[in-house]
Amino acid sequence: MRLFGIIYALVGPTLAGILITAALTMNMFTTNAMIVSAVIGFLVAVPVAWYIAKMIRENA
């Protein structure tokens, strides 16, 4: 669980930033678009971090 938390702390803001950048690239400058992009990024980061942590534990 600790490894998952560390990886999530790195993956969450990264994915949120990527999605916010994508929204800005598509000329979506509203506050709502930024918030939705960030929330989706943080939600998608949960299974990604879980998978990465699982792979690290299995191969360590």
PDB file of N, CA and C in Angstrom:
ATOM      1  N   MET A   1       0.826  -1.195   0.000  1.00  0.00           N
ATOM      2  CA  MET A   1       0.000   0.000   0.000  1.00  0.00           C
ATOM      3  C   MET A   1       0.872   1.262   0.000  1.00  0.00           C
ATOM      4  N   ARG A   2       2.005   1.185   0.675  1.00  0.00           N
ATOM      5  CA  ARG A   2       2.892   2.349   0.721  1.00  0.00           C
ATOM      6  C   ARG A   2       3.488   2.632  -0.659  1.00  0.00           C
ATOM      7  N   LEU A   3       3.884   1.576  -1.353  1.00  0.00           N
ATOM      8  CA  LEU A   3       4.426   1.730  -2.696  1.00  0.00           C
ATOM      9  C   LEU A   3       3.380   2.324  -3.632  1.00  0.00           C
ATOM     10  N   PHE A   4       2.147   1.847  -3.508  1.00  0.00           N
ATOM     11  CA  PHE A   4       1.053   2.393  -4.316  1.00  0.00           C
ATOM     12  C   PHE A   4       0.899   3.889  -4.075  1.00  0.00           C
ATOM     13  N   GLY A   5       0.955   4.318  -2.830  1.00  0.00           N
ATOM     14  CA  GLY A   5       0.808   5.736  -2.495  1.00  0.00           C
ATOM     15  C   GLY A   5       1.910   6.590  -3.095  1.00  0.00           C
ATOM     16  N   ILE A   6       3.119   6.077  -3.063  1.00  0.00           N
ATOM     17  CA  ILE A   6       4.246   6.821  -3.625  1.00  0.00           C
ATOM     18  C   ILE A   6       4.095   6.946  -5.134  1.00  0.00           C
ATOM     19  N   ILE A   7       3.732   5.850  -5.782  1.00  0.00           N
ATOM     20  CA  ILE A   7       3.574   5.886  -7.231  1.00  0.00           C
ATOM     21  C   ILE A   7       2.391   6.759  -7.620  1.00  0.00           C
ATOM     22  N   TYR A   8       1.303   6.684  -6.859  1.00  0.00           N
ATOM     23  CA  TYR A   8       0.134   7.519  -7.153  1.00  0.00           C
ATOM     24  C   TYR A   8       0.474   9.002  -7.025  1.00  0.00           C
ATOM     25  N   ALA A   9       1.313   9.339  -6.058  1.00  0.00           N
ATOM     26  CA  ALA A   9       1.715  10.737  -5.875  1.00  0.00           C
ATOM     27  C   ALA A   9       2.496  11.256  -7.076  1.00  0.00           C
ATOM     28  N   LEU A  10       3.109  10.373  -7.826  1.00  0.00           N
ATOM     29  CA  LEU A  10       3.834  10.771  -9.032  1.00  0.00           C
ATOM     30  C   LEU A  10       2.955  10.705 -10.284  1.00  0.00           C
ATOM     31  N   VAL A  11       2.160   9.662 -10.390  1.00  0.00           N
ATOM     32  CA  VAL A  11       1.366   9.439 -11.600  1.00  0.00           C
ATOM     33  C   VAL A  11       0.149  10.371 -11.655  1.00  0.00           C
ATOM     34  N   GLY A  12      -0.488  10.633 -10.518  1.00  0.00           N
ATOM     35  CA  GLY A  12      -1.691  11.464 -10.504  1.00  0.00           C
ATOM     36  C   GLY A  12      -1.482  12.856 -11.084  1.00  0.00           C
ATOM     37  N   PRO A  13      -0.561  13.627 -10.543  1.00  0.00           N
ATOM     38  CA  PRO A  13      -0.331  14.960 -11.110  1.00  0.00           C
ATOM     39  C   PRO A  13       0.188  14.928 -12.548  1.00  0.00           C
ATOM     40  N   THR A  14       0.933  13.873 -12.891  1.00  0.00           N
ATOM     41  CA  THR A  14       1.437  13.768 -14.260  1.00  0.00           C
ATOM     42  C   THR A  14       0.294  13.602 -15.249  1.00  0.00           C
ATOM     43  N   LEU A  15      -0.611  12.666 -14.973  1.00  0.00           N
ATOM     44  CA  LEU A  15      -1.744  12.465 -15.873  1.00  0.00           C
ATOM     45  C   LEU A  15      -2.675  13.666 -15.881  1.00  0.00           C
ATOM     46  N   ALA A  16      -2.892  14.272 -14.722  1.00  0.00           N
ATOM     47  CA  ALA A  16      -3.734  15.466 -14.675  1.00  0.00           C
ATOM     48  C   ALA A  16      -3.121  16.582 -15.517  1.00  0.00           C
ATOM     49  N   GLY A  17      -1.835  16.773 -15.416  1.00  0.00           N
ATOM     50  CA  GLY A  17      -1.160  17.802 -16.203  1.00  0.00           C
ATOM     51  C   GLY A  17      -1.223  17.526 -17.693  1.00  0.00           C
ATOM     52  N   ILE A  18      -1.085  16.259 -18.071  1.00  0.00           N
ATOM     53  CA  ILE A  18      -1.180  15.893 -19.492  1.00  0.00           C
ATOM     54  C   ILE A  18      -2.573  16.206 -20.023  1.00  0.00           C
ATOM     55  N   LEU A  19      -3.599  15.856 -19.255  1.00  0.00           N
ATOM     56  CA  LEU A  19      -4.970  16.101 -19.714  1.00  0.00           C
ATOM     57  C   LEU A  19      -5.313  17.586 -19.728  1.00  0.00           C
ATOM     58  N   ILE A  20      -4.810  18.341 -18.784  1.00  0.00           N
ATOM     59  CA  ILE A  20      -5.035  19.794 -18.794  1.00  0.00           C
ATOM     60  C   ILE A  20      -4.352  20.414 -20.007  1.00  0.00           C
ATOM     61  N   THR A  21      -3.139  19.968 -20.311  1.00  0.00           N
ATOM     62  CA  THR A  21      -2.436  20.458 -21.486  1.00  0.00           C
ATOM     63  C   THR A  21      -3.201  20.108 -22.764  1.00  0.00           C
ATOM     64  N   ALA A  22      -3.749  18.900 -22.811  1.00  0.00           N
ATOM     65  CA  ALA A  22      -4.541  18.497 -23.976  1.00  0.00           C
ATOM     66  C   ALA A  22      -5.781  19.375 -24.109  1.00  0.00           C
ATOM     67  N   ALA A  23      -6.446  19.676 -22.993  1.00  0.00           N
ATOM     68  CA  ALA A  23      -7.631  20.534 -23.039  1.00  0.00           C
ATOM     69  C   ALA A  23      -7.268  21.936 -23.514  1.00  0.00           C
ATOM     70  N   LEU A  24      -6.165  22.462 -23.035  1.00  0.00           N
ATOM     71  CA  LEU A  24      -5.735  23.786 -23.475  1.00  0.00           C
ATOM     72  C   LEU A  24      -5.370  23.792 -24.955  1.00  0.00           C
ATOM     73  N   THR A  25      -4.784  22.711 -25.432  1.00  0.00           N
ATOM     74  CA  THR A  25      -4.431  22.599 -26.845  1.00  0.00           C
ATOM     75  C   THR A  25      -5.678  22.607 -27.722  1.00  0.00           C
ATOM     76  N   MET A  26      -6.781  22.060 -27.195  1.00  0.00           N
ATOM     77  CA  MET A  26      -8.042  22.028 -27.938  1.00  0.00           C
ATOM     78  C   MET A  26      -8.885  23.284 -27.707  1.00  0.00           C
ATOM     79  N   ASN A  27      -8.245  24.353 -27.213  1.00  0.00           N
ATOM     80  CA  ASN A  27      -8.907  25.650 -26.976  1.00  0.00           C
ATOM     81  C   ASN A  27     -10.072  25.570 -25.991  1.00  0.00           C
ATOM     82  N   MET A  28      -9.947  24.718 -24.983  1.00  0.00           N
ATOM     83  CA  MET A  28     -10.934  24.634 -23.911  1.00  0.00           C
ATOM     84  C   MET A  28     -10.387  25.400 -22.713  1.00  0.00           C
ATOM     85  N   PHE A  29     -10.652  26.691 -22.687  1.00  0.00           N
ATOM     86  CA  PHE A  29     -10.058  27.555 -21.666  1.00  0.00           C
ATOM     87  C   PHE A  29     -10.966  27.787 -20.461  1.00  0.00           C
ATOM     88  N   THR A  30     -12.066  27.057 -20.348  1.00  0.00           N
ATOM     89  CA  THR A  30     -12.993  27.283 -19.237  1.00  0.00           C
ATOM     90  C   THR A  30     -12.484  26.601 -17.969  1.00  0.00           C
ATOM     91  N   THR A  31     -12.910  27.130 -16.854  1.00  0.00           N
ATOM     92  CA  THR A  31     -12.535  26.541 -15.562  1.00  0.00           C
ATOM     93  C   THR A  31     -13.086  25.127 -15.444  1.00  0.00           C
ATOM     94  N   ASN A  32     -14.285  24.931 -15.937  1.00  0.00           N
ATOM     95  CA  ASN A  32     -14.910  23.604 -15.870  1.00  0.00           C
ATOM     96  C   ASN A  32     -14.080  22.568 -16.627  1.00  0.00           C
ATOM     97  N   ALA A  33     -13.572  22.932 -17.790  1.00  0.00           N
ATOM     98  CA  ALA A  33     -12.751  21.999 -18.571  1.00  0.00           C
ATOM     99  C   ALA A  33     -11.468  21.640 -17.823  1.00  0.00           C
ATOM    100  N   MET A  34     -10.873  22.626 -17.145  1.00  0.00           N
ATOM    101  CA  MET A  34      -9.644  22.364 -16.390  1.00  0.00           C
ATOM    102  C   MET A  34      -9.914  21.415 -15.218  1.00  0.00           C
ATOM    103  N   ILE A  35     -10.996  21.665 -14.497  1.00  0.00           N
ATOM    104  CA  ILE A  35     -11.325  20.837 -13.333  1.00  0.00           C
ATOM    105  C   ILE A  35     -11.648  19.414 -13.762  1.00  0.00           C
ATOM    106  N   VAL A  36     -12.452  19.268 -14.804  1.00  0.00           N
ATOM    107  CA  VAL A  36     -12.814  17.936 -15.289  1.00  0.00           C
ATOM    108  C   VAL A  36     -11.569  17.189 -15.769  1.00  0.00           C
ATOM    109  N   SER A  37     -10.691  17.868 -16.476  1.00  0.00           N
ATOM    110  CA  SER A  37      -9.451  17.233 -16.948  1.00  0.00           C
ATOM    111  C   SER A  37      -8.601  16.752 -15.778  1.00  0.00           C
ATOM    112  N   ALA A  38      -8.464  17.576 -14.759  1.00  0.00           N
ATOM    113  CA  ALA A  38      -7.657  17.199 -13.593  1.00  0.00           C
ATOM    114  C   ALA A  38      -8.279  16.023 -12.848  1.00  0.00           C
ATOM    115  N   VAL A  39      -9.581  16.048 -12.654  1.00  0.00           N
ATOM    116  CA  VAL A  39     -10.260  14.959 -11.936  1.00  0.00           C
ATOM    117  C   VAL A  39     -10.121  13.651 -12.703  1.00  0.00           C
ATOM    118  N   ILE A  40     -10.327  13.700 -14.013  1.00  0.00           N
ATOM    119  CA  ILE A  40     -10.179  12.481 -14.822  1.00  0.00           C
ATOM    120  C   ILE A  40      -8.744  11.959 -14.733  1.00  0.00           C
ATOM    121  N   GLY A  41      -7.772  12.864 -14.765  1.00  0.00           N
ATOM    122  CA  GLY A  41      -6.383  12.444 -14.649  1.00  0.00           C
ATOM    123  C   GLY A  41      -6.101  11.743 -13.334  1.00  0.00           C
ATOM    124  N   PHE A  42      -6.606  12.304 -12.243  1.00  0.00           N
ATOM    125  CA  PHE A  42      -6.377  11.679 -10.940  1.00  0.00           C
ATOM    126  C   PHE A  42      -7.134  10.358 -10.801  1.00  0.00           C
ATOM    127  N   LEU A  43      -8.305  10.244 -11.414  1.00  0.00           N
ATOM    128  CA  LEU A  43      -9.050   8.983 -11.351  1.00  0.00           C
ATOM    129  C   LEU A  43      -8.388   7.893 -12.195  1.00  0.00           C
ATOM    130  N   VAL A  44      -7.902   8.257 -13.354  1.00  0.00           N
ATOM    131  CA  VAL A  44      -7.223   7.285 -14.209  1.00  0.00           C
ATOM    132  C   VAL A  44      -5.915   6.834 -13.567  1.00  0.00           C
ATOM    133  N   ALA A  45      -5.318   7.673 -12.755  1.00  0.00           N
ATOM    134  CA  ALA A  45      -4.050   7.338 -12.120  1.00  0.00           C
ATOM    135  C   ALA A  45      -4.179   6.223 -11.085  1.00  0.00           C
ATOM    136  N   VAL A  46      -5.364   6.012 -10.543  1.00  0.00           N
ATOM    137  CA  VAL A  46      -5.534   4.964  -9.513  1.00  0.00           C
ATOM    138  C   VAL A  46      -5.212   3.577 -10.078  1.00  0.00           C
ATOM    139  N   PRO A  47      -5.880   3.133 -11.148  1.00  0.00           N
ATOM    140  CA  PRO A  47      -5.516   1.792 -11.648  1.00  0.00           C
ATOM    141  C   PRO A  47      -4.114   1.733 -12.248  1.00  0.00           C
ATOM    142  N   VAL A  48      -3.649   2.834 -12.812  1.00  0.00           N
ATOM    143  CA  VAL A  48      -2.294   2.855 -13.370  1.00  0.00           C
ATOM    144  C   VAL A  48      -1.268   2.659 -12.259  1.00  0.00           C
ATOM    145  N   ALA A  49      -1.417   3.388 -11.166  1.00  0.00           N
ATOM    146  CA  ALA A  49      -0.485   3.254 -10.038  1.00  0.00           C
ATOM    147  C   ALA A  49      -0.581   1.870  -9.410  1.00  0.00           C
ATOM    148  N   TRP A  50      -1.790   1.335  -9.313  1.00  0.00           N
ATOM    149  CA  TRP A  50      -1.968  -0.007  -8.758  1.00  0.00           C
ATOM    150  C   TRP A  50      -1.245  -1.034  -9.622  1.00  0.00           C
ATOM    151  N   TYR A  51      -1.387  -0.925 -10.932  1.00  0.00           N
ATOM    152  CA  TYR A  51      -0.739  -1.866 -11.851  1.00  0.00           C
ATOM    153  C   TYR A  51       0.784  -1.761 -11.766  1.00  0.00           C
ATOM    154  N   ILE A  52       1.300  -0.550 -11.751  1.00  0.00           N
ATOM    155  CA  ILE A  52       2.754  -0.361 -11.669  1.00  0.00           C
ATOM    156  C   ILE A  52       3.294  -0.914 -10.358  1.00  0.00           C
ATOM    157  N   ALA A  53       2.600  -0.637  -9.241  1.00  0.00           N
ATOM    158  CA  ALA A  53       3.032  -1.147  -7.947  1.00  0.00           C
ATOM    159  C   ALA A  53       3.006  -2.667  -7.920  1.00  0.00           C
ATOM    160  N   LYS A  54       1.979  -3.246  -8.519  1.00  0.00           N
ATOM    161  CA  LYS A  54       1.868  -4.706  -8.574  1.00  0.00           C
ATOM    162  C   LYS A  54       3.026  -5.292  -9.373  1.00  0.00           C
ATOM    163  N   MET A  55       3.345  -4.689 -10.504  1.00  0.00           N
ATOM    164  CA  MET A  55       4.439  -5.190 -11.331  1.00  0.00           C
ATOM    165  C   MET A  55       5.783  -5.062 -10.620  1.00  0.00           C
ATOM    166  N   ILE A  56       5.972  -3.975  -9.904  1.00  0.00           N
ATOM    167  CA  ILE A  56       7.227  -3.798  -9.158  1.00  0.00           C
ATOM    168  C   ILE A  56       7.346  -4.839  -8.048  1.00  0.00           C
ATOM    169  N   ARG A  57       6.246  -5.078  -7.310  1.00  0.00           N
ATOM    170  CA  ARG A  57       6.269  -6.078  -6.239  1.00  0.00           C
ATOM    171  C   ARG A  57       6.535  -7.471  -6.761  1.00  0.00           C
ATOM    172  N   GLU A  58       5.952  -7.807  -7.915  1.00  0.00           N
ATOM    173  CA  GLU A  58       6.128  -9.155  -8.459  1.00  0.00           C
ATOM    174  C   GLU A  58       7.544  -9.375  -8.992  1.00  0.00           C
ATOM    175  N   ASN A  59       8.171  -8.334  -9.490  1.00  0.00           N
ATOM    176  CA  ASN A  59       9.492  -8.474 -10.088  1.00  0.00           C
ATOM    177  C   ASN A  59      10.640  -8.092  -9.168  1.00  0.00           C
ATOM    178  N   ALA A  60      10.330  -7.718  -7.942  1.00  0.00           N
ATOM    179  CA  ALA A  60      11.398  -7.304  -7.024  1.00  0.00           C
ATOM    180  C   ALA A  60      11.939  -8.493  -6.248  1.00  0.00           C
TER     181      ALA A  60
END
